[in-house]
Amino acid sequence: MVRFLVVPQWQGSSSSRAMQLVDGAQAVLGDLPRSSSHLVEVPLEAGDTLDTGVLRMSALSQTARNLRAALDEQRALEQAVVTFGGDAGVGTIAALHAAGAAHAAGATDATDPALAVIWFGARGAFHSPASSPTKAFHDMAARALVDPSIPRPDADSPGPMIGHGRLALIGVRAMDEAQVAAAEAHGVALRSPDNLNPDELVAAITAAGASRVFVHIDLNVLDPSALSGLGHAEPFGLDLRQLLETIAALRERLPLAGAAITEYAPSSPAAVTHDMSTILRIVGALV
């Protein structure tokens, strides 16, 4: 049985539509099965940096504690979980929690030896506090999976990170030179929408030693023609068919360790009506 955790976090976003991430999460919750869905509490206040260089870190940390507690409960029940944001940082915490399953089984190394993370997103999310023009955590959310120098909202419950060669950024098309250089330094594969072959992607992560996969989907990976509720829409993105085919190829070869869908910021109830069938098709591909 699949459980859904909905996390209306907005504090990690730099978008002018950040508060609409709350509306997006609530809209998705309304279309999920009530008996298998749970709303994770998010602080109302913006929060403080806590001297990390990351905006609103205190609020992000409280949400991370709440989300990890909910994920711990599902792990104890051996339930598969799809997590919805909110901003992309929700996916960071869910992916790192999935990596922590190895440590729960007694592993002692600093990285999960088996988990790959496939991170779909337009913007890369591979800044540091020094390079980010916004200081918002969603600019750093993917890099926090592999770089211990990035402040993490779950710093009070540190666990393993994602191993070298087992993080891939898919659908990226709005990364600056600082992000590209950092990704290359950490062995992270970058695949643009016109350089995506699902079979080659699966072969590369299995060759790197992965035996299970976490799928993170920033909805801005899609072309704006496919979805209207995007706070950071970028042209020339994946079409829905490409995304669904890539998810299918991953699931055919590797067990799903978890998934996250984030960055849905609808501008109106009419936009939700227009977008929901696309979102539910993505959910269906994951479960």
C-alpha atoms as a PDB file:
ATOM      1  CA  MET A   1       0.000   0.000   0.000  1.00  0.00           C
ATOM      2  CA  VAL A   2       1.268   3.480  -0.887  1.00  0.00           C
ATOM      3  CA  ARG A   3       0.986   6.343   1.578  1.00  0.00           C
ATOM      4  CA  PHE A   4       1.019  10.018   0.642  1.00  0.00           C
ATOM      5  CA  LEU A   5       2.579  12.730   2.795  1.00  0.00           C
ATOM      6  CA  VAL A   6       1.665  16.284   1.838  1.00  0.00           C
ATOM      7  CA  VAL A   7       3.987  19.046   3.066  1.00  0.00           C
ATOM      8  CA  PRO A   8       2.842  22.624   2.248  1.00  0.00           C
ATOM      9  CA  GLN A   9       6.278  24.144   2.860  1.00  0.00           C
ATOM     10  CA  TRP A  10       6.936  27.511   1.229  1.00  0.00           C
ATOM     11  CA  GLN A  11       9.883  28.769   3.269  1.00  0.00           C
ATOM     12  CA  GLY A  12      12.501  27.162   1.017  1.00  0.00           C
ATOM     13  CA  SER A  13      11.298  28.946  -2.110  1.00  0.00           C
ATOM     14  CA  SER A  14      12.510  32.190  -3.679  1.00  0.00           C
ATOM     15  CA  SER A  15       9.546  32.470  -6.041  1.00  0.00           C
ATOM     16  CA  SER A  16       7.187  35.425  -5.899  1.00  0.00           C
ATOM     17  CA  ARG A  17       4.509  32.714  -5.894  1.00  0.00           C
ATOM     18  CA  ALA A  18       5.954  30.907  -2.874  1.00  0.00           C
ATOM     19  CA  MET A  19       2.760  31.135  -0.836  1.00  0.00           C
ATOM     20  CA  GLN A  20       0.894  29.486  -3.691  1.00  0.00           C
ATOM     21  CA  LEU A  21       2.911  26.353  -2.981  1.00  0.00           C
ATOM     22  CA  VAL A  22       0.637  26.004   0.048  1.00  0.00           C
ATOM     23  CA  ASP A  23      -2.407  26.199  -2.232  1.00  0.00           C
ATOM     24  CA  GLY A  24      -0.867  23.629  -4.563  1.00  0.00           C
ATOM     25  CA  ALA A  25      -0.189  21.163  -1.777  1.00  0.00           C
ATOM     26  CA  GLN A  26      -3.702  21.540  -0.408  1.00  0.00           C
ATOM     27  CA  ALA A  27      -5.171  21.057  -3.892  1.00  0.00           C
ATOM     28  CA  VAL A  28      -3.214  17.840  -4.411  1.00  0.00           C
ATOM     29  CA  LEU A  29      -4.265  16.579  -0.970  1.00  0.00           C
ATOM     30  CA  GLY A  30      -7.906  17.019  -1.961  1.00  0.00           C
ATOM     31  CA  ASP A  31      -7.459  14.636  -4.898  1.00  0.00           C
ATOM     32  CA  LEU A  32      -5.586  11.885  -3.055  1.00  0.00           C
ATOM     33  CA  PRO A  33      -7.227   8.947  -1.257  1.00  0.00           C
ATOM     34  CA  ARG A  34      -8.218  10.294   2.139  1.00  0.00           C
ATOM     35  CA  SER A  35      -7.477   7.096   4.055  1.00  0.00           C
ATOM     36  CA  SER A  36      -3.863   6.888   2.824  1.00  0.00           C
ATOM     37  CA  SER A  37      -2.916  10.577   2.932  1.00  0.00           C
ATOM     38  CA  HIS A  38      -1.474  12.666   5.749  1.00  0.00           C
ATOM     39  CA  LEU A  39      -0.817  16.405   6.014  1.00  0.00           C
ATOM     40  CA  VAL A  40       2.529  17.230   7.637  1.00  0.00           C
ATOM     41  CA  GLU A  41       2.498  20.373   9.766  1.00  0.00           C
ATOM     42  CA  VAL A  42       4.518  23.360   8.535  1.00  0.00           C
ATOM     43  CA  PRO A  43       5.287  26.438  10.688  1.00  0.00           C
ATOM     44  CA  LEU A  44       3.327  29.558   9.851  1.00  0.00           C
ATOM     45  CA  GLU A  45       6.252  31.934  10.360  1.00  0.00           C
ATOM     46  CA  ALA A  46       9.035  32.616   7.873  1.00  0.00           C
ATOM     47  CA  GLY A  47      11.836  31.699  10.279  1.00  0.00           C
ATOM     48  CA  ASP A  48      15.469  32.738  10.770  1.00  0.00           C
ATOM     49  CA  THR A  49      18.717  31.859   8.996  1.00  0.00           C
ATOM     50  CA  LEU A  50      20.318  30.449  12.184  1.00  0.00           C
ATOM     51  CA  ASP A  51      23.653  31.774  10.833  1.00  0.00           C
ATOM     52  CA  THR A  52      23.640  29.167   8.046  1.00  0.00           C
ATOM     53  CA  GLY A  53      23.430  31.504   5.076  1.00  0.00           C
ATOM     54  CA  VAL A  54      20.122  29.841   4.132  1.00  0.00           C
ATOM     55  CA  LEU A  55      16.941  31.892   4.399  1.00  0.00           C
ATOM     56  CA  ARG A  56      14.276  30.735   6.882  1.00  0.00           C
ATOM     57  CA  MET A  57      16.341  27.799   8.104  1.00  0.00           C
ATOM     58  CA  SER A  58      14.608  27.597  11.486  1.00  0.00           C
ATOM     59  CA  ALA A  59      11.224  27.001   9.830  1.00  0.00           C
ATOM     60  CA  LEU A  60      12.746  24.512   7.380  1.00  0.00           C
ATOM     61  CA  SER A  61      14.304  22.601  10.265  1.00  0.00           C
ATOM     62  CA  GLN A  62      11.008  22.328  12.120  1.00  0.00           C
ATOM     63  CA  THR A  63       9.289  21.016   9.019  1.00  0.00           C
ATOM     64  CA  ALA A  64      12.144  18.546   8.467  1.00  0.00           C
ATOM     65  CA  ARG A  65      11.637  17.164  11.977  1.00  0.00           C
ATOM     66  CA  ASN A  66       7.901  16.801  11.363  1.00  0.00           C
ATOM     67  CA  LEU A  67       8.427  15.140   7.991  1.00  0.00           C
ATOM     68  CA  ARG A  68      11.064  12.725   9.290  1.00  0.00           C
ATOM     69  CA  ALA A  69       8.749  11.684  12.122  1.00  0.00           C
ATOM     70  CA  ALA A  70       5.986  10.943   9.603  1.00  0.00           C
ATOM     71  CA  LEU A  71       8.423   9.034   7.378  1.00  0.00           C
ATOM     72  CA  ASP A  72       9.716   7.052  10.375  1.00  0.00           C
ATOM     73  CA  GLU A  73       6.154   5.961  11.107  1.00  0.00           C
ATOM     74  CA  GLN A  74       5.634   4.750   7.545  1.00  0.00           C
ATOM     75  CA  ARG A  75       8.990   2.945   7.527  1.00  0.00           C
ATOM     76  CA  ALA A  76       7.981   1.074  10.683  1.00  0.00           C
ATOM     77  CA  LEU A  77       4.820  -0.024   8.856  1.00  0.00           C
ATOM     78  CA  GLU A  78       6.875  -0.915   5.759  1.00  0.00           C
ATOM     79  CA  GLN A  79       4.787   1.461   3.678  1.00  0.00           C
ATOM     80  CA  ALA A  80       5.954   2.982   0.387  1.00  0.00           C
ATOM     81  CA  VAL A  81       5.683   6.777   0.486  1.00  0.00           C
ATOM     82  CA  VAL A  82       5.159   9.496  -2.090  1.00  0.00           C
ATOM     83  CA  THR A  83       5.824  12.942  -0.622  1.00  0.00           C
ATOM     84  CA  PHE A  84       4.336  16.132  -2.031  1.00  0.00           C
ATOM     85  CA  GLY A  85       5.648  19.673  -1.534  1.00  0.00           C
ATOM     86  CA  GLY A  86       5.789  22.534  -1.158  1.00  0.00           C
ATOM     87  CA  ASP A  87       9.177  23.559  -2.362  1.00  0.00           C
ATOM     88  CA  ALA A  88      11.986  21.268  -3.523  1.00  0.00           C
ATOM     89  CA  GLY A  89      13.566  21.018  -0.076  1.00  0.00           C
ATOM     90  CA  VAL A  90      10.765  18.648   0.898  1.00  0.00           C
ATOM     91  CA  GLY A  91      12.215  16.168  -1.605  1.00  0.00           C
ATOM     92  CA  THR A  92      15.701  16.564  -0.130  1.00  0.00           C
ATOM     93  CA  ILE A  93      14.536  15.454   3.302  1.00  0.00           C
ATOM     94  CA  ALA A  94      12.509  12.553   1.887  1.00  0.00           C
ATOM     95  CA  ALA A  95      15.445  11.325  -0.228  1.00  0.00           C
ATOM     96  CA  LEU A  96      17.913  11.546   2.655  1.00  0.00           C
ATOM     97  CA  HIS A  97      15.441   9.672   4.848  1.00  0.00           C
ATOM     98  CA  ALA A  98      15.324   6.915   2.209  1.00  0.00           C
ATOM     99  CA  ALA A  99      19.128   6.815   2.268  1.00  0.00           C
ATOM    100  CA  GLY A 100      18.960   6.434   6.038  1.00  0.00           C
ATOM    101  CA  ALA A 101      17.261   3.055   5.676  1.00  0.00           C
ATOM    102  CA  ALA A 102      20.699   1.518   5.146  1.00  0.00           C
ATOM    103  CA  HIS A 103      21.940   2.943   8.425  1.00  0.00           C
ATOM    104  CA  ALA A 104      18.877   1.650  10.206  1.00  0.00           C
ATOM    105  CA  ALA A 105      20.001  -1.781   9.040  1.00  0.00           C
ATOM    106  CA  GLY A 106      23.445  -1.282  10.555  1.00  0.00           C
ATOM    107  CA  ALA A 107      25.518   0.395   7.841  1.00  0.00           C
ATOM    108  CA  THR A 108      28.312   2.654   9.050  1.00  0.00           C
ATOM    109  CA  ASP A 109      29.601   4.448   5.949  1.00  0.00           C
ATOM    110  CA  ALA A 110      28.813   8.085   5.126  1.00  0.00           C
ATOM    111  CA  THR A 111      26.873   7.304   1.956  1.00  0.00           C
ATOM    112  CA  ASP A 112      24.062   4.931   1.155  1.00  0.00           C
ATOM    113  CA  PRO A 113      25.693   2.064  -0.766  1.00  0.00           C
ATOM    114  CA  ALA A 114      22.694   1.256  -2.916  1.00  0.00           C
ATOM    115  CA  LEU A 115      20.405   4.261  -3.430  1.00  0.00           C
ATOM    116  CA  ALA A 116      20.353   6.406  -6.560  1.00  0.00           C
ATOM    117  CA  VAL A 117      18.389   9.657  -6.736  1.00  0.00           C
ATOM    118  CA  ILE A 118      16.952  10.781 -10.040  1.00  0.00           C
ATOM    119  CA  TRP A 119      16.197  14.488  -9.673  1.00  0.00           C
ATOM    120  CA  PHE A 120      13.918  15.908 -12.351  1.00  0.00           C
ATOM    121  CA  GLY A 121      14.043  19.706 -12.455  1.00  0.00           C
ATOM    122  CA  ALA A 122      14.651  22.642 -14.757  1.00  0.00           C
ATOM    123  CA  ARG A 123      16.983  24.673 -12.567  1.00  0.00           C
ATOM    124  CA  GLY A 124      19.501  22.193 -11.182  1.00  0.00           C
ATOM    125  CA  ALA A 125      19.197  23.176  -7.494  1.00  0.00           C
ATOM    126  CA  PHE A 126      22.978  22.903  -7.219  1.00  0.00           C
ATOM    127  CA  HIS A 127      23.985  26.224  -5.689  1.00  0.00           C
ATOM    128  CA  SER A 128      25.716  26.760  -2.338  1.00  0.00           C
ATOM    129  CA  PRO A 129      24.871  29.564   0.104  1.00  0.00           C
ATOM    130  CA  ALA A 130      27.831  31.478  -1.364  1.00  0.00           C
ATOM    131  CA  SER A 131      26.816  31.094  -5.027  1.00  0.00           C
ATOM    132  CA  SER A 132      23.025  31.286  -4.685  1.00  0.00           C
ATOM    133  CA  PRO A 133      21.622  34.661  -5.750  1.00  0.00           C
ATOM    134  CA  THR A 134      18.575  34.126  -3.538  1.00  0.00           C
ATOM    135  CA  LYS A 135      19.926  32.188  -0.487  1.00  0.00           C
ATOM    136  CA  ALA A 136      16.742  30.078  -0.677  1.00  0.00           C
ATOM    137  CA  PHE A 137      17.176  26.389   0.083  1.00  0.00           C
ATOM    138  CA  HIS A 138      15.432  25.193  -3.065  1.00  0.00           C
ATOM    139  CA  ASP A 139      18.421  26.594  -4.984  1.00  0.00           C
ATOM    140  CA  MET A 140      20.623  24.103  -3.075  1.00  0.00           C
ATOM    141  CA  ALA A 141      18.228  21.207  -2.561  1.00  0.00           C
ATOM    142  CA  ALA A 142      19.878  18.685  -4.907  1.00  0.00           C
ATOM    143  CA  ARG A 143      23.429  19.609  -3.919  1.00  0.00           C
ATOM    144  CA  ALA A 144      22.577  18.969  -0.254  1.00  0.00           C
ATOM    145  CA  LEU A 145      22.203  15.289  -1.167  1.00  0.00           C
ATOM    146  CA  VAL A 146      25.893  14.889  -2.029  1.00  0.00           C
ATOM    147  CA  ASP A 147      27.819  17.840  -0.556  1.00  0.00           C
ATOM    148  CA  PRO A 148      28.248  17.870   3.240  1.00  0.00           C
ATOM    149  CA  SER A 149      29.237  21.557   3.172  1.00  0.00           C
ATOM    150  CA  ILE A 150      25.644  22.561   2.346  1.00  0.00           C
ATOM    151  CA  PRO A 151      23.605  23.370   5.481  1.00  0.00           C
ATOM    152  CA  ARG A 152      20.756  20.860   5.776  1.00  0.00           C
ATOM    153  CA  PRO A 153      17.427  21.380   7.539  1.00  0.00           C
ATOM    154  CA  ASP A 154      17.778  17.900   9.082  1.00  0.00           C
ATOM    155  CA  ALA A 155      21.180  18.667  10.626  1.00  0.00           C
ATOM    156  CA  ASP A 156      19.960  17.527  14.053  1.00  0.00           C
ATOM    157  CA  SER A 157      19.358  14.015  12.609  1.00  0.00           C
ATOM    158  CA  PRO A 158      22.318  13.514  10.253  1.00  0.00           C
ATOM    159  CA  GLY A 159      22.301  10.431   8.090  1.00  0.00           C
ATOM    160  CA  PRO A 160      24.074   9.134   5.004  1.00  0.00           C
ATOM    161  CA  MET A 161      24.335  11.087   1.786  1.00  0.00           C
ATOM    162  CA  ILE A 162      24.007   9.899  -1.800  1.00  0.00           C
ATOM    163  CA  GLY A 163      27.102   8.161  -3.142  1.00  0.00           C
ATOM    164  CA  HIS A 164      29.334   9.309  -5.992  1.00  0.00           C
ATOM    165  CA  GLY A 165      27.781   8.745  -9.395  1.00  0.00           C
ATOM    166  CA  ARG A 166      24.334   7.964  -8.001  1.00  0.00           C
ATOM    167  CA  LEU A 167      22.686  11.371  -8.396  1.00  0.00           C
ATOM    168  CA  ALA A 168      21.463  12.479 -11.818  1.00  0.00           C
ATOM    169  CA  LEU A 169      19.836  15.817 -12.655  1.00  0.00           C
ATOM    170  CA  ILE A 170      17.317  15.291 -15.442  1.00  0.00           C
ATOM    171  CA  GLY A 171      15.632  17.895 -17.634  1.00  0.00           C
ATOM    172  CA  VAL A 172      17.976  20.701 -16.548  1.00  0.00           C
ATOM    173  CA  ARG A 173      18.142  23.749 -18.787  1.00  0.00           C
ATOM    174  CA  ALA A 174      18.662  26.761 -16.498  1.00  0.00           C
ATOM    175  CA  MET A 175      21.967  26.133 -14.681  1.00  0.00           C
ATOM    176  CA  ASP A 176      24.735  28.711 -14.445  1.00  0.00           C
ATOM    177  CA  GLU A 177      28.456  27.949 -14.601  1.00  0.00           C
ATOM    178  CA  ALA A 178      28.851  27.716 -10.814  1.00  0.00           C
ATOM    179  CA  GLN A 179      26.215  24.987 -10.596  1.00  0.00           C
ATOM    180  CA  VAL A 180      27.552  23.047 -13.568  1.00  0.00           C
ATOM    181  CA  ALA A 181      31.083  23.089 -12.155  1.00  0.00           C
ATOM    182  CA  ALA A 182      29.873  21.938  -8.731  1.00  0.00           C
ATOM    183  CA  ALA A 183      27.833  19.124 -10.258  1.00  0.00           C
ATOM    184  CA  GLU A 184      30.817  17.908 -12.268  1.00  0.00           C
ATOM    185  CA  ALA A 185      33.022  18.006  -9.150  1.00  0.00           C
ATOM    186  CA  HIS A 186      30.568  15.738  -7.316  1.00  0.00           C
ATOM    187  CA  GLY A 187      30.169  13.226 -10.150  1.00  0.00           C
ATOM    188  CA  VAL A 188      26.594  14.264 -10.896  1.00  0.00           C
ATOM    189  CA  ALA A 189      25.227  13.518 -14.363  1.00  0.00           C
ATOM    190  CA  LEU A 190      23.354  16.306 -16.166  1.00  0.00           C
ATOM    191  CA  ARG A 191      20.823  15.438 -18.849  1.00  0.00           C
ATOM    192  CA  SER A 192      18.896  18.112 -20.712  1.00  0.00           C
ATOM    193  CA  PRO A 193      15.478  17.402 -22.270  1.00  0.00           C
ATOM    194  CA  ASP A 194      17.071  16.790 -25.671  1.00  0.00           C
ATOM    195  CA  ASN A 195      19.730  14.474 -24.180  1.00  0.00           C
ATOM    196  CA  LEU A 196      17.516  12.037 -22.297  1.00  0.00           C
ATOM    197  CA  ASN A 197      17.478   8.350 -23.133  1.00  0.00           C
ATOM    198  CA  PRO A 198      15.703   6.387 -20.369  1.00  0.00           C
ATOM    199  CA  ASP A 199      17.546   3.128 -21.043  1.00  0.00           C
ATOM    200  CA  GLU A 200      20.937   4.858 -20.979  1.00  0.00           C
ATOM    201  CA  LEU A 201      20.000   6.594 -17.714  1.00  0.00           C
ATOM    202  CA  VAL A 202      19.072   3.317 -16.030  1.00  0.00           C
ATOM    203  CA  ALA A 203      22.226   1.634 -17.319  1.00  0.00           C
ATOM    204  CA  ALA A 204      24.405   4.445 -15.943  1.00  0.00           C
ATOM    205  CA  ILE A 205      22.991   4.385 -12.415  1.00  0.00           C
ATOM    206  CA  THR A 206      23.049   0.598 -12.167  1.00  0.00           C
ATOM    207  CA  ALA A 207      26.657   0.622 -13.377  1.00  0.00           C
ATOM    208  CA  ALA A 208      27.369   3.012 -10.478  1.00  0.00           C
ATOM    209  CA  GLY A 209      26.115   0.341  -8.057  1.00  0.00           C
ATOM    210  CA  ALA A 210      22.552   1.424  -7.475  1.00  0.00           C
ATOM    211  CA  SER A 211      20.027  -1.268  -6.608  1.00  0.00           C
ATOM    212  CA  ARG A 212      17.099   0.986  -5.667  1.00  0.00           C
ATOM    213  CA  VAL A 213      15.988   4.456  -6.701  1.00  0.00           C
ATOM    214  CA  PHE A 214      14.363   7.560  -5.242  1.00  0.00           C
ATOM    215  CA  VAL A 215      12.577   9.723  -7.819  1.00  0.00           C
ATOM    216  CA  HIS A 216      12.262  13.447  -7.183  1.00  0.00           C
ATOM    217  CA  ILE A 217      10.148  15.541  -9.561  1.00  0.00           C
ATOM    218  CA  ASP A 218      10.205  19.325  -9.514  1.00  0.00           C
ATOM    219  CA  LEU A 219       7.223  19.960 -11.731  1.00  0.00           C
ATOM    220  CA  ASN A 220       9.135  22.766 -13.440  1.00  0.00           C
ATOM    221  CA  VAL A 221      10.948  19.997 -15.315  1.00  0.00           C
ATOM    222  CA  LEU A 222       7.906  19.964 -17.585  1.00  0.00           C
ATOM    223  CA  ASP A 223       7.479  22.382 -20.431  1.00  0.00           C
ATOM    224  CA  PRO A 224       5.088  25.192 -19.407  1.00  0.00           C
ATOM    225  CA  SER A 225       2.702  23.987 -22.095  1.00  0.00           C
ATOM    226  CA  ALA A 226       2.164  20.815 -20.049  1.00  0.00           C
ATOM    227  CA  LEU A 227       1.405  22.480 -16.702  1.00  0.00           C
ATOM    228  CA  SER A 228       0.375  26.006 -15.779  1.00  0.00           C
ATOM    229  CA  GLY A 229       1.054  26.055 -12.018  1.00  0.00           C
ATOM    230  CA  LEU A 230       4.811  26.635 -12.110  1.00  0.00           C
ATOM    231  CA  GLY A 231       6.476  29.293  -9.990  1.00  0.00           C
ATOM    232  CA  HIS A 232       9.714  29.074 -12.015  1.00  0.00           C
ATOM    233  CA  ALA A 233       8.536  28.059 -15.475  1.00  0.00           C
ATOM    234  CA  GLU A 234      11.316  27.418 -17.992  1.00  0.00           C
ATOM    235  CA  PRO A 235      10.686  26.901 -21.710  1.00  0.00           C
ATOM    236  CA  PHE A 236      11.763  23.848 -23.715  1.00  0.00           C
ATOM    237  CA  GLY A 237      11.170  21.341 -20.948  1.00  0.00           C
ATOM    238  CA  LEU A 238      10.190  17.685 -20.940  1.00  0.00           C
ATOM    239  CA  ASP A 239       6.818  16.785 -22.285  1.00  0.00           C
ATOM    240  CA  LEU A 240       4.661  14.555 -20.128  1.00  0.00           C
ATOM    241  CA  ARG A 241       5.331  11.493 -22.289  1.00  0.00           C
ATOM    242  CA  GLN A 242       9.107  11.796 -21.774  1.00  0.00           C
ATOM    243  CA  LEU A 243       8.677  12.051 -18.017  1.00  0.00           C
ATOM    244  CA  LEU A 244       6.316   9.078 -17.776  1.00  0.00           C
ATOM    245  CA  GLU A 245       8.497   6.896 -20.018  1.00  0.00           C
ATOM    246  CA  THR A 246      11.580   7.658 -17.931  1.00  0.00           C
ATOM    247  CA  ILE A 247       9.777   6.832 -14.690  1.00  0.00           C
ATOM    248  CA  ALA A 248       8.557   3.577 -16.238  1.00  0.00           C
ATOM    249  CA  ALA A 249      12.089   2.603 -17.297  1.00  0.00           C
ATOM    250  CA  LEU A 250      13.418   3.278 -13.795  1.00  0.00           C
ATOM    251  CA  ARG A 251      10.658   1.311 -12.117  1.00  0.00           C
ATOM    252  CA  GLU A 252      11.051  -1.624 -14.483  1.00  0.00           C
ATOM    253  CA  ARG A 253      14.688  -2.124 -13.435  1.00  0.00           C
ATOM    254  CA  LEU A 254      14.902  -0.851  -9.850  1.00  0.00           C
ATOM    255  CA  PRO A 255      12.735  -0.986  -6.717  1.00  0.00           C
ATOM    256  CA  LEU A 256      11.313   2.415  -5.776  1.00  0.00           C
ATOM    257  CA  ALA A 257      12.698   3.576  -2.409  1.00  0.00           C
ATOM    258  CA  GLY A 258      10.394   6.601  -2.364  1.00  0.00           C
ATOM    259  CA  ALA A 259       9.387   9.606  -4.411  1.00  0.00           C
ATOM    260  CA  ALA A 260       8.665  13.307  -4.103  1.00  0.00           C
ATOM    261  CA  ILE A 261       6.715  15.726  -6.272  1.00  0.00           C
ATOM    262  CA  THR A 262       7.299  19.415  -5.571  1.00  0.00           C
ATOM    263  CA  GLU A 263       7.036  23.024  -6.759  1.00  0.00           C
ATOM    264  CA  TYR A 264       3.355  23.120  -7.683  1.00  0.00           C
ATOM    265  CA  ALA A 265       2.139  26.723  -7.346  1.00  0.00           C
ATOM    266  CA  PRO A 266      -1.217  27.178  -9.095  1.00  0.00           C
ATOM    267  CA  SER A 267      -2.372  30.727  -9.707  1.00  0.00           C
ATOM    268  CA  SER A 268      -6.101  30.007  -9.327  1.00  0.00           C
ATOM    269  CA  PRO A 269      -8.673  27.239  -8.770  1.00  0.00           C
ATOM    270  CA  ALA A 270      -9.136  27.153 -12.549  1.00  0.00           C
ATOM    271  CA  ALA A 271      -5.439  26.359 -12.941  1.00  0.00           C
ATOM    272  CA  VAL A 272      -5.803  23.439 -10.513  1.00  0.00           C
ATOM    273  CA  THR A 273      -8.641  22.042 -12.596  1.00  0.00           C
ATOM    274  CA  HIS A 274      -6.487  22.309 -15.704  1.00  0.00           C
ATOM    275  CA  ASP A 275      -3.390  20.746 -14.114  1.00  0.00           C
ATOM    276  CA  MET A 276      -4.691  17.997 -11.877  1.00  0.00           C
ATOM    277  CA  SER A 277      -5.035  15.318 -14.536  1.00  0.00           C
ATOM    278  CA  THR A 278      -1.337  15.763 -15.417  1.00  0.00           C
ATOM    279  CA  ILE A 279      -0.275  15.534 -11.764  1.00  0.00           C
ATOM    280  CA  LEU A 280      -2.383  12.439 -11.175  1.00  0.00           C
ATOM    281  CA  ARG A 281      -0.862  10.739 -14.218  1.00  0.00           C
ATOM    282  CA  ILE A 282       2.573  11.313 -12.690  1.00  0.00           C
ATOM    283  CA  VAL A 283       1.330   9.875  -9.395  1.00  0.00           C
ATOM    284  CA  GLY A 284       0.001   6.861 -11.253  1.00  0.00           C
ATOM    285  CA  ALA A 285       3.375   6.262 -12.894  1.00  0.00           C
ATOM    286  CA  LEU A 286       5.072   6.239  -9.492  1.00  0.00           C
ATOM    287  CA  VAL A 287       2.637   3.950  -7.663  1.00  0.00           C
END
